[in-house]
Amino acid sequence: MSYPIFPLKSEFNKKDFNCGKDMLDNYIQKKAGQDLKRRLSAVFAMVDDSRVIAYYTLSSTSISRDLVPEETQKKMPPSYHDLPATLLGRLAVDQNYKGQRLGEYLLMDALKKAFDTSEKHIGSMALIVDPLDDDAEAFYAKYDFIKLDSGKMFLTMQNIAALFK
């Protein structure tokens, strides 16, 4: 079954969302609307009728060139001490909808949005994630995200481009 993804709207039912991780549940139920108003992140919700069943957030960030692998550093101008990137801050799927590969679908949607934005609107050389736990780290590793010494993981826009071109 396919569910649409929309920018988060106040009329969506967020209060019933339960992915089993309090931090992610609390965010969509209580904080996401404020982040939108403050323009701290863009929140995208997968909905079943008007109920949020999964979501992710994107925002701009930067990463010190010293934190990325040497192979990537060599491709960047030396004058850039901080490299522009996109942060996939949160990604969660309601427990009632697990096992349908919705997390993968959300990730692909986030990668496409980040890539399109980096190509047409705002420079970004990579997508960064900061996995919440070992399960999240394993999830991103399946999609070739590289673990950095900081604990964050990243995927270059060059690698993301290969998915969509």
C-alpha atoms as a PDB file:
ATOM      1  CA  MET A   1       0.000   0.000   0.000  1.00  0.00           C
ATOM      2  CA  SER A   2       1.246   3.491  -0.811  1.00  0.00           C
ATOM      3  CA  TYR A   3       0.818   6.501   1.441  1.00  0.00           C
ATOM      4  CA  PRO A   4       1.340  10.111   0.379  1.00  0.00           C
ATOM      5  CA  ILE A   5       4.009  12.363   1.889  1.00  0.00           C
ATOM      6  CA  PHE A   6       3.141  15.994   2.564  1.00  0.00           C
ATOM      7  CA  PRO A   7       4.728  18.924   4.350  1.00  0.00           C
ATOM      8  CA  LEU A   8       3.402  18.684   7.922  1.00  0.00           C
ATOM      9  CA  LYS A   9       0.068  20.469   8.434  1.00  0.00           C
ATOM     10  CA  SER A  10      -1.554  21.421  11.725  1.00  0.00           C
ATOM     11  CA  GLU A  11      -4.708  19.484  10.861  1.00  0.00           C
ATOM     12  CA  PHE A  12      -2.858  16.148  10.678  1.00  0.00           C
ATOM     13  CA  ASN A  13      -3.408  13.804  13.639  1.00  0.00           C
ATOM     14  CA  LYS A  14      -0.004  13.660  15.334  1.00  0.00           C
ATOM     15  CA  LYS A  15      -1.107  12.716  18.849  1.00  0.00           C
ATOM     16  CA  ASP A  16      -1.536   9.002  18.034  1.00  0.00           C
ATOM     17  CA  PHE A  17       1.936   8.620  16.525  1.00  0.00           C
ATOM     18  CA  ASN A  18       3.978   5.937  18.324  1.00  0.00           C
ATOM     19  CA  CYS A  19       7.240   4.622  16.946  1.00  0.00           C
ATOM     20  CA  GLY A  20       8.354   3.310  20.334  1.00  0.00           C
ATOM     21  CA  LYS A  21      11.073   5.921  20.847  1.00  0.00           C
ATOM     22  CA  ASP A  22       9.930   8.662  23.218  1.00  0.00           C
ATOM     23  CA  MET A  23      12.180  11.334  21.735  1.00  0.00           C
ATOM     24  CA  LEU A  24      10.786  10.815  18.225  1.00  0.00           C
ATOM     25  CA  ASP A  25       7.182  10.456  19.429  1.00  0.00           C
ATOM     26  CA  ASN A  26       7.421  13.608  21.544  1.00  0.00           C
ATOM     27  CA  TYR A  27       8.946  15.567  18.680  1.00  0.00           C
ATOM     28  CA  ILE A  28       6.121  14.975  16.196  1.00  0.00           C
ATOM     29  CA  GLN A  29       3.388  15.253  18.836  1.00  0.00           C
ATOM     30  CA  LYS A  30       4.604  18.431  20.579  1.00  0.00           C
ATOM     31  CA  LYS A  31       7.577  20.139  18.934  1.00  0.00           C
ATOM     32  CA  ALA A  32       7.421  19.778  15.156  1.00  0.00           C
ATOM     33  CA  GLY A  33       4.854  22.561  14.727  1.00  0.00           C
ATOM     34  CA  GLN A  34       7.054  25.004  16.634  1.00  0.00           C
ATOM     35  CA  ASP A  35      10.099  24.037  14.578  1.00  0.00           C
ATOM     36  CA  LEU A  36       8.113  24.766  11.434  1.00  0.00           C
ATOM     37  CA  LYS A  37       7.020  28.182  12.697  1.00  0.00           C
ATOM     38  CA  ARG A  38      10.603  29.047  13.640  1.00  0.00           C
ATOM     39  CA  ARG A  39      11.895  27.631  10.340  1.00  0.00           C
ATOM     40  CA  LEU A  40      14.304  25.358  12.179  1.00  0.00           C
ATOM     41  CA  SER A  41      13.386  22.358  10.059  1.00  0.00           C
ATOM     42  CA  ALA A  42      11.087  21.214   7.315  1.00  0.00           C
ATOM     43  CA  VAL A  43       8.889  18.331   8.463  1.00  0.00           C
ATOM     44  CA  PHE A  44       7.446  15.851   5.983  1.00  0.00           C
ATOM     45  CA  ALA A  45       4.691  13.491   7.080  1.00  0.00           C
ATOM     46  CA  MET A  46       3.444  10.277   5.547  1.00  0.00           C
ATOM     47  CA  VAL A  47      -0.257  10.065   6.247  1.00  0.00           C
ATOM     48  CA  ASP A  48      -3.010   7.469   6.273  1.00  0.00           C
ATOM     49  CA  ASP A  49      -6.170   9.528   5.921  1.00  0.00           C
ATOM     50  CA  SER A  50      -5.050  12.469   8.066  1.00  0.00           C
ATOM     51  CA  ARG A  51      -3.082  10.409  10.613  1.00  0.00           C
ATOM     52  CA  VAL A  52       0.707  10.801  10.645  1.00  0.00           C
ATOM     53  CA  ILE A  53       2.153   7.299  10.280  1.00  0.00           C
ATOM     54  CA  ALA A  54       5.760   8.282   9.525  1.00  0.00           C
ATOM     55  CA  TYR A  55       7.810  11.434   9.203  1.00  0.00           C
ATOM     56  CA  TYR A  56      11.222  12.939   8.619  1.00  0.00           C
ATOM     57  CA  THR A  57      12.864  16.340   9.008  1.00  0.00           C
ATOM     58  CA  LEU A  58      15.355  18.220   6.858  1.00  0.00           C
ATOM     59  CA  SER A  59      17.381  21.313   7.692  1.00  0.00           C
ATOM     60  CA  SER A  60      20.600  22.957   6.646  1.00  0.00           C
ATOM     61  CA  THR A  61      23.830  22.261   8.477  1.00  0.00           C
ATOM     62  CA  SER A  62      27.548  22.230   7.918  1.00  0.00           C
ATOM     63  CA  ILE A  63      30.291  19.803   8.741  1.00  0.00           C
ATOM     64  CA  SER A  64      33.938  20.462   9.412  1.00  0.00           C
ATOM     65  CA  ARG A  65      36.043  19.305   6.491  1.00  0.00           C
ATOM     66  CA  ASP A  66      38.276  17.561   9.064  1.00  0.00           C
ATOM     67  CA  LEU A  67      35.420  15.185   9.923  1.00  0.00           C
ATOM     68  CA  VAL A  68      34.814  13.862   6.410  1.00  0.00           C
ATOM     69  CA  PRO A  69      36.940  11.125   4.818  1.00  0.00           C
ATOM     70  CA  GLU A  70      40.148  12.250   3.122  1.00  0.00           C
ATOM     71  CA  GLU A  71      38.793  11.164  -0.270  1.00  0.00           C
ATOM     72  CA  THR A  72      35.957  13.688   0.091  1.00  0.00           C
ATOM     73  CA  GLN A  73      38.243  16.383   1.525  1.00  0.00           C
ATOM     74  CA  LYS A  74      40.472  16.219  -1.554  1.00  0.00           C
ATOM     75  CA  LYS A  75      37.515  17.071  -3.785  1.00  0.00           C
ATOM     76  CA  MET A  76      36.609  20.205  -1.791  1.00  0.00           C
ATOM     77  CA  PRO A  77      38.314  23.600  -2.104  1.00  0.00           C
ATOM     78  CA  PRO A  78      40.797  24.064   0.768  1.00  0.00           C
ATOM     79  CA  SER A  79      39.295  27.458   1.628  1.00  0.00           C
ATOM     80  CA  TYR A  80      36.117  25.714   2.862  1.00  0.00           C
ATOM     81  CA  HIS A  81      36.707  24.841   6.520  1.00  0.00           C
ATOM     82  CA  ASP A  82      33.019  24.008   6.996  1.00  0.00           C
ATOM     83  CA  LEU A  83      31.266  22.186   4.189  1.00  0.00           C
ATOM     84  CA  PRO A  84      27.579  22.849   3.474  1.00  0.00           C
ATOM     85  CA  ALA A  85      25.308  19.877   4.016  1.00  0.00           C
ATOM     86  CA  THR A  86      21.698  18.871   4.598  1.00  0.00           C
ATOM     87  CA  LEU A  87      20.687  17.323   7.909  1.00  0.00           C
ATOM     88  CA  LEU A  88      18.178  14.493   7.989  1.00  0.00           C
ATOM     89  CA  GLY A  89      17.435  15.148  11.650  1.00  0.00           C
ATOM     90  CA  ARG A  90      14.691  12.648  12.356  1.00  0.00           C
ATOM     91  CA  LEU A  91      13.066   9.724  10.568  1.00  0.00           C
ATOM     92  CA  ALA A  92      10.436   7.555  12.263  1.00  0.00           C
ATOM     93  CA  VAL A  93       7.683   5.082  11.385  1.00  0.00           C
ATOM     94  CA  ASP A  94       4.693   4.317  13.627  1.00  0.00           C
ATOM     95  CA  GLN A  95       4.878   0.813  15.118  1.00  0.00           C
ATOM     96  CA  ASN A  96       1.533  -0.120  13.546  1.00  0.00           C
ATOM     97  CA  TYR A  97       3.050   0.400  10.076  1.00  0.00           C
ATOM     98  CA  LYS A  98       6.423  -1.316  10.528  1.00  0.00           C
ATOM     99  CA  GLY A  99       7.417  -4.065   8.125  1.00  0.00           C
ATOM    100  CA  GLN A 100       6.112  -2.247   5.042  1.00  0.00           C
ATOM    101  CA  ARG A 101       9.486  -0.674   4.092  1.00  0.00           C
ATOM    102  CA  LEU A 102       8.084   2.785   4.816  1.00  0.00           C
ATOM    103  CA  GLY A 103      11.390   3.846   6.386  1.00  0.00           C
ATOM    104  CA  GLU A 104      13.164   3.078   3.130  1.00  0.00           C
ATOM    105  CA  TYR A 105      10.498   4.959   1.180  1.00  0.00           C
ATOM    106  CA  LEU A 106      10.863   7.974   3.492  1.00  0.00           C
ATOM    107  CA  LEU A 107      14.643   7.880   3.174  1.00  0.00           C
ATOM    108  CA  MET A 108      14.452   7.834  -0.629  1.00  0.00           C
ATOM    109  CA  ASP A 109      12.015  10.760  -0.537  1.00  0.00           C
ATOM    110  CA  ALA A 110      14.381  12.697   1.762  1.00  0.00           C
ATOM    111  CA  LEU A 111      17.384  11.907  -0.445  1.00  0.00           C
ATOM    112  CA  LYS A 112      15.516  13.087  -3.534  1.00  0.00           C
ATOM    113  CA  LYS A 113      14.394  16.333  -1.889  1.00  0.00           C
ATOM    114  CA  ALA A 114      17.897  17.013  -0.558  1.00  0.00           C
ATOM    115  CA  PHE A 115      19.483  16.274  -3.923  1.00  0.00           C
ATOM    116  CA  ASP A 116      17.010  18.401  -5.895  1.00  0.00           C
ATOM    117  CA  THR A 117      17.479  21.295  -3.479  1.00  0.00           C
ATOM    118  CA  SER A 118      21.271  21.046  -3.640  1.00  0.00           C
ATOM    119  CA  GLU A 119      21.191  21.009  -7.412  1.00  0.00           C
ATOM    120  CA  LYS A 120      18.726  23.861  -7.920  1.00  0.00           C
ATOM    121  CA  HIS A 121      18.487  26.064  -4.834  1.00  0.00           C
ATOM    122  CA  ILE A 122      20.942  25.722  -1.945  1.00  0.00           C
ATOM    123  CA  GLY A 123      24.438  24.253  -2.030  1.00  0.00           C
ATOM    124  CA  SER A 124      24.904  21.041  -0.088  1.00  0.00           C
ATOM    125  CA  MET A 125      27.660  18.508  -0.651  1.00  0.00           C
ATOM    126  CA  ALA A 126      26.220  15.714   1.512  1.00  0.00           C
ATOM    127  CA  LEU A 127      23.312  14.461   3.574  1.00  0.00           C
ATOM    128  CA  ILE A 128      24.185  14.050   7.261  1.00  0.00           C
ATOM    129  CA  VAL A 129      22.400  11.858   9.814  1.00  0.00           C
ATOM    130  CA  ASP A 130      23.056  11.484  13.526  1.00  0.00           C
ATOM    131  CA  PRO A 131      21.715   8.014  14.324  1.00  0.00           C
ATOM    132  CA  LEU A 132      19.739   7.764  17.555  1.00  0.00           C
ATOM    133  CA  ASP A 133      20.861   4.200  18.280  1.00  0.00           C
ATOM    134  CA  ASP A 134      22.463   1.064  16.825  1.00  0.00           C
ATOM    135  CA  ASP A 135      19.279   0.144  14.922  1.00  0.00           C
ATOM    136  CA  ALA A 136      19.251   3.514  13.174  1.00  0.00           C
ATOM    137  CA  GLU A 137      22.959   3.234  12.411  1.00  0.00           C
ATOM    138  CA  ALA A 138      22.427  -0.204  10.842  1.00  0.00           C
ATOM    139  CA  PHE A 139      19.517   1.172   8.787  1.00  0.00           C
ATOM    140  CA  TYR A 140      21.621   3.982   7.290  1.00  0.00           C
ATOM    141  CA  ALA A 141      24.616   1.717   6.762  1.00  0.00           C
ATOM    142  CA  LYS A 142      22.451  -0.438   4.446  1.00  0.00           C
ATOM    143  CA  TYR A 143      22.213   2.603   2.154  1.00  0.00           C
ATOM    144  CA  ASP A 144      25.981   3.224   2.111  1.00  0.00           C
ATOM    145  CA  PHE A 145      26.092   6.048   4.630  1.00  0.00           C
ATOM    146  CA  ILE A 146      29.636   6.373   5.953  1.00  0.00           C
ATOM    147  CA  LYS A 147      30.195   6.571   9.703  1.00  0.00           C
ATOM    148  CA  LEU A 148      32.341   9.495  10.785  1.00  0.00           C
ATOM    149  CA  ASP A 149      34.509   9.746  13.899  1.00  0.00           C
ATOM    150  CA  SER A 150      31.892  12.104  15.370  1.00  0.00           C
ATOM    151  CA  GLY A 151      29.298   9.302  15.315  1.00  0.00           C
ATOM    152  CA  LYS A 152      27.379  11.030  12.552  1.00  0.00           C
ATOM    153  CA  MET A 153      26.983   9.394   9.172  1.00  0.00           C
ATOM    154  CA  PHE A 154      27.000  10.934   5.744  1.00  0.00           C
ATOM    155  CA  LEU A 155      26.331  10.284   2.083  1.00  0.00           C
ATOM    156  CA  THR A 156      27.703  12.636  -0.559  1.00  0.00           C
ATOM    157  CA  MET A 157      25.387  14.304  -3.056  1.00  0.00           C
ATOM    158  CA  GLN A 158      27.560  12.708  -5.735  1.00  0.00           C
ATOM    159  CA  ASN A 159      26.527   9.272  -4.439  1.00  0.00           C
ATOM    160  CA  ILE A 160      22.917  10.380  -4.046  1.00  0.00           C
ATOM    161  CA  ALA A 161      22.927  11.667  -7.643  1.00  0.00           C
ATOM    162  CA  ALA A 162      23.699   8.163  -8.865  1.00  0.00           C
ATOM    163  CA  LEU A 163      20.367   7.038  -7.399  1.00  0.00           C
ATOM    164  CA  PHE A 164      18.307   9.554  -9.350  1.00  0.00           C
ATOM    165  CA  LYS A 165      20.083  10.252 -12.654  1.00  0.00           C
END
